[in-house]
Amino acid sequence: QVQLVESGGGLVQPGGSLRLSCAASGRIFSINAMGWYRQAPGKQRELVAIIASGGSTNYADSVKGRFTISRDNAKNTAYLQMNSLKPEDTAVYYCNVLWALGTHWGQGTQVTVSS
């Protein structure tokens, strides 16, 4: 089985920073891409950032310049560094992995930006 373990969410004041981690484990191989999505109450899940195996990245316009996605291929781990956080970044953040045999989602981690 494949497991995704997310960590790093929490409560932060506007302008603050958080770093999310997503570690994939189990019978997983040939990871093509790892990404972060988020879902705010009453809204659809949306892509935040994605990184391919070769290192190319793509970001939602709303987070460009503030968020940085990275990955450690040896550890099957992806990171999302979030700076200059805004209240509108408040959401449950989900990790997603696209690999040779399909796609998997993490359980989600809550990020709340509030003063």
Protein backbone atom coordinates (compact mmCIF):
# COMPACT_ATOMS: atom_id res chain seq x y z
CA GLN A 1 0.00 0.00 0.00
CA VAL A 2 0.97 3.62 -0.52
CA GLN A 3 0.84 6.12 2.30
CA LEU A 4 1.21 9.88 2.22
CA VAL A 5 1.96 11.55 5.53
CA GLU A 6 1.55 15.30 5.67
CA SER A 7 2.79 17.60 8.39
CA GLY A 8 3.47 21.24 9.09
CA GLY A 9 0.05 22.84 9.13
CA GLY A 10 -1.18 25.10 11.87
CA LEU A 11 -2.25 28.58 12.86
CA VAL A 12 -0.18 31.54 11.73
CA GLN A 13 -0.65 35.29 11.65
CA PRO A 14 -0.94 37.16 8.36
CA GLY A 15 2.50 37.70 6.89
CA GLY A 16 3.87 34.62 8.60
CA SER A 17 5.35 31.44 7.18
CA LEU A 18 4.73 27.72 7.32
CA ARG A 19 6.43 24.73 5.75
CA LEU A 20 4.41 21.69 4.78
CA SER A 21 5.93 18.26 4.24
CA CYS A 22 4.55 15.23 2.43
CA ALA A 23 6.33 11.90 2.71
CA ALA A 24 5.33 9.01 0.47
CA SER A 25 6.01 5.50 1.65
CA GLY A 26 5.09 1.94 0.88
CA ARG A 27 5.10 0.15 -2.43
CA ILE A 28 5.54 3.24 -4.57
CA PHE A 29 7.95 3.82 -7.42
CA SER A 30 8.46 5.97 -10.49
CA ILE A 31 6.92 9.08 -9.00
CA ASN A 32 6.14 11.45 -11.85
CA ALA A 33 4.89 14.42 -9.92
CA MET A 34 4.08 15.57 -6.42
CA GLY A 35 1.71 18.41 -5.75
CA TRP A 36 -0.17 20.40 -3.19
CA TYR A 37 -3.83 21.25 -3.45
CA ARG A 38 -6.08 23.12 -1.08
CA GLN A 39 -9.76 23.33 -0.30
CA ALA A 40 -11.36 26.15 1.59
CA PRO A 41 -14.83 25.84 3.13
CA GLY A 42 -17.51 26.05 0.46
CA LYS A 43 -14.98 26.02 -2.38
CA GLN A 44 -13.65 23.45 -4.78
CA ARG A 45 -10.26 21.86 -4.33
CA GLU A 46 -7.64 23.76 -6.31
CA LEU A 47 -4.07 23.23 -7.37
CA VAL A 48 -1.54 25.21 -5.35
CA ALA A 49 1.76 23.94 -6.72
CA ILE A 50 3.17 20.91 -8.47
CA ILE A 51 6.68 19.63 -9.14
CA ALA A 52 7.65 17.05 -11.72
CA SER A 53 10.32 14.42 -11.34
CA GLY A 54 12.74 16.55 -13.33
CA GLY A 55 12.19 19.54 -11.10
CA SER A 56 9.91 21.67 -13.23
CA THR A 57 7.25 23.48 -11.23
CA ASN A 58 3.90 25.12 -11.72
CA TYR A 59 2.05 27.42 -9.34
CA ALA A 60 -1.38 28.89 -8.97
CA ASP A 61 -1.31 32.59 -9.80
CA SER A 62 -2.50 33.42 -6.29
CA VAL A 63 0.63 31.97 -4.68
CA LYS A 64 3.34 32.85 -7.18
CA GLY A 65 6.20 34.65 -5.52
CA ARG A 66 5.08 33.57 -2.05
CA PHE A 67 5.09 29.75 -2.10
CA THR A 68 7.89 27.45 -3.16
CA ILE A 69 7.53 23.74 -3.82
CA SER A 70 10.51 21.41 -3.67
CA ARG A 71 11.15 17.70 -3.40
CA ASP A 72 13.72 15.22 -2.19
CA ASN A 73 13.52 12.32 -4.63
CA ALA A 74 15.66 10.07 -2.45
CA LYS A 75 13.15 10.45 0.38
CA ASN A 76 10.02 10.58 -1.78
CA THR A 77 9.17 13.78 0.05
CA ALA A 78 7.75 17.06 -1.16
CA TYR A 79 7.78 20.36 0.66
CA LEU A 80 5.76 23.53 0.37
CA GLN A 81 7.35 26.64 1.82
CA MET A 82 4.65 29.24 2.32
CA ASN A 83 5.68 32.82 3.01
CA SER A 84 3.73 36.07 3.33
CA LEU A 85 0.63 34.12 4.19
CA LYS A 86 -2.74 35.78 3.79
CA PRO A 87 -6.11 35.01 5.39
CA GLU A 88 -7.33 33.79 1.99
CA ASP A 89 -4.70 31.03 2.14
CA THR A 90 -6.71 29.42 4.92
CA ALA A 91 -7.71 25.93 3.79
CA VAL A 92 -7.06 22.24 4.18
CA TYR A 93 -3.95 21.44 2.18
CA TYR A 94 -3.69 18.06 0.50
CA CYS A 95 -0.66 16.34 -0.92
CA ASN A 96 -1.02 14.38 -4.15
CA VAL A 97 1.35 11.94 -5.77
CA LEU A 98 1.19 10.81 -9.40
CA TRP A 99 3.20 7.66 -9.89
CA ALA A 100 3.53 4.66 -12.18
CA LEU A 101 0.37 2.90 -11.01
CA GLY A 102 -1.91 5.79 -10.23
CA THR A 103 -2.47 8.71 -7.92
CA HIS A 104 -2.82 9.03 -4.17
CA TRP A 105 -3.98 11.73 -1.80
CA GLY A 106 -2.88 12.56 1.69
CA GLN A 107 -5.30 13.05 4.55
CA GLY A 108 -4.93 16.82 4.52
CA THR A 109 -3.48 19.32 6.95
CA GLN A 110 -5.22 22.48 8.13
CA VAL A 111 -3.61 25.84 7.52
CA THR A 112 -5.26 28.80 9.22
CA VAL A 113 -4.06 32.35 8.68
CA SER A 114 -5.60 34.68 11.21
CA SER A 115 -4.70 37.42 13.63
